[in-house]
Amino acid sequence: MSDATVYQVVVNDEEQHALWPARTAPPAGWRVEGFQGTEEACMAHVDRVWPDIRPLSLRRRLAESAAGTGQASGLADDSAASSPEADR
């Protein structure tokens, strides 16, 4: 049996995306993004429009940190923290 539910894509203030049944209003803190369809179509849309799943506040913080340190990616090199020598 196929799922006949129509879904809509919803977004929160952190630019996180989710699927929600189109027949109901999204929960508090979420707004309708505008795309709706089958679960599969909505998931494909989310994959296209939301390539970086980190919350907006984290992306901003990393970008500010990168601007202050000159790092291009905004990601700290944590290889030292994960090495056995870091415990010594």
C-alpha atoms as a PDB file:
ATOM      1  CA  MET A   1       0.000   0.000   0.000  1.00  0.00           C
ATOM      2  CA  SER A   2       1.443   3.403  -0.910  1.00  0.00           C
ATOM      3  CA  ASP A   3       1.444   6.416   1.375  1.00  0.00           C
ATOM      4  CA  ALA A   4      -0.985   8.991  -0.053  1.00  0.00           C
ATOM      5  CA  THR A   5       0.109  11.661   2.441  1.00  0.00           C
ATOM      6  CA  VAL A   6       1.118  14.968   0.882  1.00  0.00           C
ATOM      7  CA  TYR A   7       4.030  16.555   2.722  1.00  0.00           C
ATOM      8  CA  GLN A   8       5.316  20.100   2.875  1.00  0.00           C
ATOM      9  CA  VAL A   9       8.828  21.285   3.594  1.00  0.00           C
ATOM     10  CA  VAL A  10       9.077  23.440   6.699  1.00  0.00           C
ATOM     11  CA  VAL A  11      11.999  25.551   7.937  1.00  0.00           C
ATOM     12  CA  ASN A  12      12.893  26.976  11.340  1.00  0.00           C
ATOM     13  CA  ASP A  13      14.897  30.064  12.311  1.00  0.00           C
ATOM     14  CA  GLU A  14      18.100  28.006  12.260  1.00  0.00           C
ATOM     15  CA  GLU A  15      17.372  27.186   8.587  1.00  0.00           C
ATOM     16  CA  GLN A  16      16.873  23.522   9.449  1.00  0.00           C
ATOM     17  CA  HIS A  17      14.432  21.746   7.141  1.00  0.00           C
ATOM     18  CA  ALA A  18      11.859  19.080   7.931  1.00  0.00           C
ATOM     19  CA  LEU A  19       8.860  17.364   6.355  1.00  0.00           C
ATOM     20  CA  TRP A  20       5.414  17.935   7.782  1.00  0.00           C
ATOM     21  CA  PRO A  21       2.006  16.667   6.609  1.00  0.00           C
ATOM     22  CA  ALA A  22       0.531  19.367   4.341  1.00  0.00           C
ATOM     23  CA  ARG A  23      -2.929  18.970   5.856  1.00  0.00           C
ATOM     24  CA  THR A  24      -1.733  20.413   9.185  1.00  0.00           C
ATOM     25  CA  ALA A  25      -0.049  23.636  10.187  1.00  0.00           C
ATOM     26  CA  PRO A  26       3.616  23.332  11.112  1.00  0.00           C
ATOM     27  CA  PRO A  27       4.521  23.355  14.795  1.00  0.00           C
ATOM     28  CA  ALA A  28       5.498  26.551  16.598  1.00  0.00           C
ATOM     29  CA  GLY A  29       8.861  27.855  15.431  1.00  0.00           C
ATOM     30  CA  TRP A  30       8.531  26.378  11.939  1.00  0.00           C
ATOM     31  CA  ARG A  31       7.250  28.014   8.751  1.00  0.00           C
ATOM     32  CA  VAL A  32       6.139  26.562   5.428  1.00  0.00           C
ATOM     33  CA  GLU A  33       8.975  26.763   2.894  1.00  0.00           C
ATOM     34  CA  GLY A  34       6.710  26.406  -0.129  1.00  0.00           C
ATOM     35  CA  PHE A  35       7.502  22.974  -1.559  1.00  0.00           C
ATOM     36  CA  GLN A  36       5.096  20.079  -1.154  1.00  0.00           C
ATOM     37  CA  GLY A  37       4.650  16.641  -2.633  1.00  0.00           C
ATOM     38  CA  THR A  38       5.340  13.023  -1.810  1.00  0.00           C
ATOM     39  CA  GLU A  39       7.765  12.158   0.954  1.00  0.00           C
ATOM     40  CA  GLU A  40      10.355  11.191  -1.665  1.00  0.00           C
ATOM     41  CA  ALA A  41       9.915  14.433  -3.652  1.00  0.00           C
ATOM     42  CA  CYS A  42      10.168  16.530  -0.502  1.00  0.00           C
ATOM     43  CA  MET A  43      13.299  14.681   0.635  1.00  0.00           C
ATOM     44  CA  ALA A  44      14.904  15.235  -2.777  1.00  0.00           C
ATOM     45  CA  HIS A  45      14.033  18.939  -2.552  1.00  0.00           C
ATOM     46  CA  VAL A  46      15.545  19.209   0.935  1.00  0.00           C
ATOM     47  CA  ASP A  47      18.711  17.479  -0.303  1.00  0.00           C
ATOM     48  CA  ARG A  48      18.994  20.095  -3.074  1.00  0.00           C
ATOM     49  CA  VAL A  49      18.319  23.222  -1.010  1.00  0.00           C
ATOM     50  CA  TRP A  50      19.969  22.273   2.304  1.00  0.00           C
ATOM     51  CA  PRO A  51      23.465  20.946   1.546  1.00  0.00           C
ATOM     52  CA  ASP A  52      24.991  22.146   4.831  1.00  0.00           C
ATOM     53  CA  ILE A  53      22.877  20.728   7.644  1.00  0.00           C
ATOM     54  CA  ARG A  54      24.623  22.640  10.415  1.00  0.00           C
ATOM     55  CA  PRO A  55      22.334  25.128  12.201  1.00  0.00           C
ATOM     56  CA  LEU A  56      22.603  28.746  11.013  1.00  0.00           C
ATOM     57  CA  SER A  57      24.006  29.937  14.350  1.00  0.00           C
ATOM     58  CA  LEU A  58      26.853  27.404  14.128  1.00  0.00           C
ATOM     59  CA  ARG A  59      27.646  28.320  10.515  1.00  0.00           C
ATOM     60  CA  ARG A  60      27.774  32.000  11.483  1.00  0.00           C
ATOM     61  CA  ARG A  61      29.965  31.326  14.526  1.00  0.00           C
ATOM     62  CA  LEU A  62      32.389  29.257  12.449  1.00  0.00           C
ATOM     63  CA  ALA A  63      32.489  31.915   9.727  1.00  0.00           C
ATOM     64  CA  GLU A  64      33.259  34.623  12.310  1.00  0.00           C
ATOM     65  CA  SER A  65      35.941  32.438  13.843  1.00  0.00           C
ATOM     66  CA  ALA A  66      37.459  31.766  10.428  1.00  0.00           C
ATOM     67  CA  ALA A  67      37.472  35.472   9.606  1.00  0.00           C
ATOM     68  CA  GLY A  68      39.302  36.174  12.858  1.00  0.00           C
ATOM     69  CA  THR A  69      41.907  33.441  12.415  1.00  0.00           C
ATOM     70  CA  GLY A  70      42.269  33.452   8.651  1.00  0.00           C
ATOM     71  CA  GLN A  71      41.053  29.854   8.252  1.00  0.00           C
ATOM     72  CA  ALA A  72      39.275  29.380   4.946  1.00  0.00           C
ATOM     73  CA  SER A  73      36.944  26.574   5.977  1.00  0.00           C
ATOM     74  CA  GLY A  74      36.027  27.790   9.431  1.00  0.00           C
ATOM     75  CA  LEU A  75      36.694  24.354  10.873  1.00  0.00           C
ATOM     76  CA  ALA A  76      39.377  23.997  13.489  1.00  0.00           C
ATOM     77  CA  ASP A  77      42.003  21.332  12.982  1.00  0.00           C
ATOM     78  CA  ASP A  78      41.170  18.855  15.711  1.00  0.00           C
ATOM     79  CA  SER A  79      43.632  16.183  14.621  1.00  0.00           C
ATOM     80  CA  ALA A  80      45.853  16.926  17.633  1.00  0.00           C
ATOM     81  CA  ALA A  81      42.951  16.454  20.019  1.00  0.00           C
ATOM     82  CA  SER A  82      42.200  13.036  18.597  1.00  0.00           C
ATOM     83  CA  SER A  83      45.784  11.805  18.589  1.00  0.00           C
ATOM     84  CA  PRO A  84      47.240   9.650  21.351  1.00  0.00           C
ATOM     85  CA  GLU A  85      49.878  12.338  22.006  1.00  0.00           C
ATOM     86  CA  ALA A  86      47.138  14.756  23.071  1.00  0.00           C
ATOM     87  CA  ASP A  87      46.608  12.715  26.243  1.00  0.00           C
ATOM     88  CA  ARG A  88      50.211  13.105  27.382  1.00  0.00           C
END
